[in-house]
């Protein structure tokens, strides 16, 4: 099954089910997220708090995260740009 970033899987973990039952807004998962973080997640959406903060450009300290343009990252960005251009509809 393909995993989407940021979307909860259909099967809920035991930790998440216990947190929902207890009415908690966040829970500590047993396994890391797709990016390798072991931080808490939101019970309602299963989003990793560290991933959410990175996507907003912040760390827990409030500093900006520097996006390092490694060769692998640049190659991935070019690949995504080409993929988006493939399906973009241009007005005639």
C-alpha atoms as a PDB file:
ATOM      1  CA  UNK A   1       0.000   0.000   0.000  1.00  0.00           C
ATOM      2  CA  UNK A   2       1.327   3.439  -0.935  1.00  0.00           C
ATOM      3  CA  UNK A   3       1.891   5.728   2.036  1.00  0.00           C
ATOM      4  CA  UNK A   4       1.026   9.377   1.631  1.00  0.00           C
ATOM      5  CA  UNK A   5       3.000  11.957   3.552  1.00  0.00           C
ATOM      6  CA  UNK A   6       0.943  13.535   6.277  1.00  0.00           C
ATOM      7  CA  UNK A   7      -2.071  11.321   5.860  1.00  0.00           C
ATOM      8  CA  UNK A   8      -3.031   8.733   8.421  1.00  0.00           C
ATOM      9  CA  UNK A   9      -3.039   5.110   7.425  1.00  0.00           C
ATOM     10  CA  UNK A  10      -6.300   3.186   7.586  1.00  0.00           C
ATOM     11  CA  UNK A  11      -5.045   0.977  10.438  1.00  0.00           C
ATOM     12  CA  UNK A  12      -4.546   2.914  13.667  1.00  0.00           C
ATOM     13  CA  UNK A  13      -1.681   2.095  16.000  1.00  0.00           C
ATOM     14  CA  UNK A  14      -2.480   0.867  19.519  1.00  0.00           C
ATOM     15  CA  UNK A  15      -0.929   4.038  20.962  1.00  0.00           C
ATOM     16  CA  UNK A  16      -3.170   6.228  18.816  1.00  0.00           C
ATOM     17  CA  UNK A  17      -6.306   4.259  19.682  1.00  0.00           C
ATOM     18  CA  UNK A  18      -5.467   4.502  23.404  1.00  0.00           C
ATOM     19  CA  UNK A  19      -4.918   8.263  23.113  1.00  0.00           C
ATOM     20  CA  UNK A  20      -8.231   8.710  21.275  1.00  0.00           C
ATOM     21  CA  UNK A  21     -10.012   6.671  23.929  1.00  0.00           C
ATOM     22  CA  UNK A  22      -8.409   8.784  26.683  1.00  0.00           C
ATOM     23  CA  UNK A  23      -9.326  12.016  24.847  1.00  0.00           C
ATOM     24  CA  UNK A  24      -5.720  13.139  24.373  1.00  0.00           C
ATOM     25  CA  UNK A  25      -4.820  15.495  21.522  1.00  0.00           C
ATOM     26  CA  UNK A  26      -1.277  14.115  21.118  1.00  0.00           C
ATOM     27  CA  UNK A  27       0.371  10.747  21.603  1.00  0.00           C
ATOM     28  CA  UNK A  28       3.862   9.251  21.572  1.00  0.00           C
ATOM     29  CA  UNK A  29       4.196   6.631  18.807  1.00  0.00           C
ATOM     30  CA  UNK A  30       6.369   3.542  19.114  1.00  0.00           C
ATOM     31  CA  UNK A  31       7.817   3.863  15.613  1.00  0.00           C
ATOM     32  CA  UNK A  32       9.354   6.891  13.847  1.00  0.00           C
ATOM     33  CA  UNK A  33       7.606   8.861  11.128  1.00  0.00           C
ATOM     34  CA  UNK A  34       8.594   8.645   7.461  1.00  0.00           C
ATOM     35  CA  UNK A  35      11.314  11.268   8.039  1.00  0.00           C
ATOM     36  CA  UNK A  36      12.697   9.436  11.076  1.00  0.00           C
ATOM     37  CA  UNK A  37      11.384  11.680  13.864  1.00  0.00           C
ATOM     38  CA  UNK A  38      10.409  10.150  17.206  1.00  0.00           C
ATOM     39  CA  UNK A  39       8.370  13.139  18.336  1.00  0.00           C
ATOM     40  CA  UNK A  40       4.733  13.191  19.366  1.00  0.00           C
ATOM     41  CA  UNK A  41       1.928  13.060  16.806  1.00  0.00           C
ATOM     42  CA  UNK A  42      -1.537  14.539  16.723  1.00  0.00           C
ATOM     43  CA  UNK A  43      -4.228  11.992  17.519  1.00  0.00           C
ATOM     44  CA  UNK A  44      -6.760  13.422  15.073  1.00  0.00           C
ATOM     45  CA  UNK A  45      -4.535  13.579  11.969  1.00  0.00           C
ATOM     46  CA  UNK A  46      -1.529  11.364  12.844  1.00  0.00           C
ATOM     47  CA  UNK A  47       0.798  14.212  11.770  1.00  0.00           C
ATOM     48  CA  UNK A  48       4.285  14.247  13.272  1.00  0.00           C
ATOM     49  CA  UNK A  49       4.798  17.498  15.195  1.00  0.00           C
ATOM     50  CA  UNK A  50       8.478  17.743  14.164  1.00  0.00           C
ATOM     51  CA  UNK A  51       7.555  17.324  10.470  1.00  0.00           C
ATOM     52  CA  UNK A  52       4.868  19.977  10.798  1.00  0.00           C
ATOM     53  CA  UNK A  53       7.329  22.396  12.401  1.00  0.00           C
ATOM     54  CA  UNK A  54       9.913  21.712   9.683  1.00  0.00           C
ATOM     55  CA  UNK A  55       7.372  22.312   6.954  1.00  0.00           C
ATOM     56  CA  UNK A  56       6.547  25.642   8.539  1.00  0.00           C
ATOM     57  CA  UNK A  57      10.257  26.480   8.665  1.00  0.00           C
ATOM     58  CA  UNK A  58      10.592  26.360  12.438  1.00  0.00           C
ATOM     59  CA  UNK A  59      12.316  24.240  15.033  1.00  0.00           C
ATOM     60  CA  UNK A  60      11.205  23.848  18.617  1.00  0.00           C
ATOM     61  CA  UNK A  61      13.586  26.708  19.462  1.00  0.00           C
ATOM     62  CA  UNK A  62      11.860  29.005  16.992  1.00  0.00           C
ATOM     63  CA  UNK A  63      14.853  29.278  14.655  1.00  0.00           C
ATOM     64  CA  UNK A  64      14.466  29.026  10.908  1.00  0.00           C
ATOM     65  CA  UNK A  65      15.442  25.719   9.393  1.00  0.00           C
ATOM     66  CA  UNK A  66      18.098  26.115   6.711  1.00  0.00           C
ATOM     67  CA  UNK A  67      17.132  24.167   3.601  1.00  0.00           C
ATOM     68  CA  UNK A  68      20.396  22.671   2.455  1.00  0.00           C
ATOM     69  CA  UNK A  69      20.483  22.222  -1.304  1.00  0.00           C
ATOM     70  CA  UNK A  70      22.348  18.932  -1.515  1.00  0.00           C
ATOM     71  CA  UNK A  71      22.806  17.320  -4.949  1.00  0.00           C
ATOM     72  CA  UNK A  72      20.205  14.695  -4.049  1.00  0.00           C
ATOM     73  CA  UNK A  73      17.730  17.377  -2.988  1.00  0.00           C
ATOM     74  CA  UNK A  74      18.348  19.417  -6.146  1.00  0.00           C
ATOM     75  CA  UNK A  75      17.820  16.319  -8.316  1.00  0.00           C
ATOM     76  CA  UNK A  76      14.580  15.569  -6.501  1.00  0.00           C
ATOM     77  CA  UNK A  77      13.366  19.165  -6.919  1.00  0.00           C
ATOM     78  CA  UNK A  78      14.081  19.045 -10.675  1.00  0.00           C
ATOM     79  CA  UNK A  79      12.236  15.722 -10.930  1.00  0.00           C
ATOM     80  CA  UNK A  80       9.178  17.191  -9.155  1.00  0.00           C
ATOM     81  CA  UNK A  81       9.290  20.305 -11.340  1.00  0.00           C
ATOM     82  CA  UNK A  82       9.290  18.154 -14.484  1.00  0.00           C
ATOM     83  CA  UNK A  83       6.475  15.974 -13.147  1.00  0.00           C
ATOM     84  CA  UNK A  84       4.311  19.013 -12.374  1.00  0.00           C
ATOM     85  CA  UNK A  85       5.000  20.536 -15.796  1.00  0.00           C
ATOM     86  CA  UNK A  86       3.907  17.296 -17.459  1.00  0.00           C
ATOM     87  CA  UNK A  87       0.386  17.597 -16.060  1.00  0.00           C
ATOM     88  CA  UNK A  88       0.044  21.366 -16.115  1.00  0.00           C
ATOM     89  CA  UNK A  89      -2.690  22.606 -18.431  1.00  0.00           C
ATOM     90  CA  UNK A  90      -1.865  25.829 -20.223  1.00  0.00           C
ATOM     91  CA  UNK A  91      -4.556  28.255 -21.345  1.00  0.00           C
ATOM     92  CA  UNK A  92      -4.627  28.672 -25.092  1.00  0.00           C
END
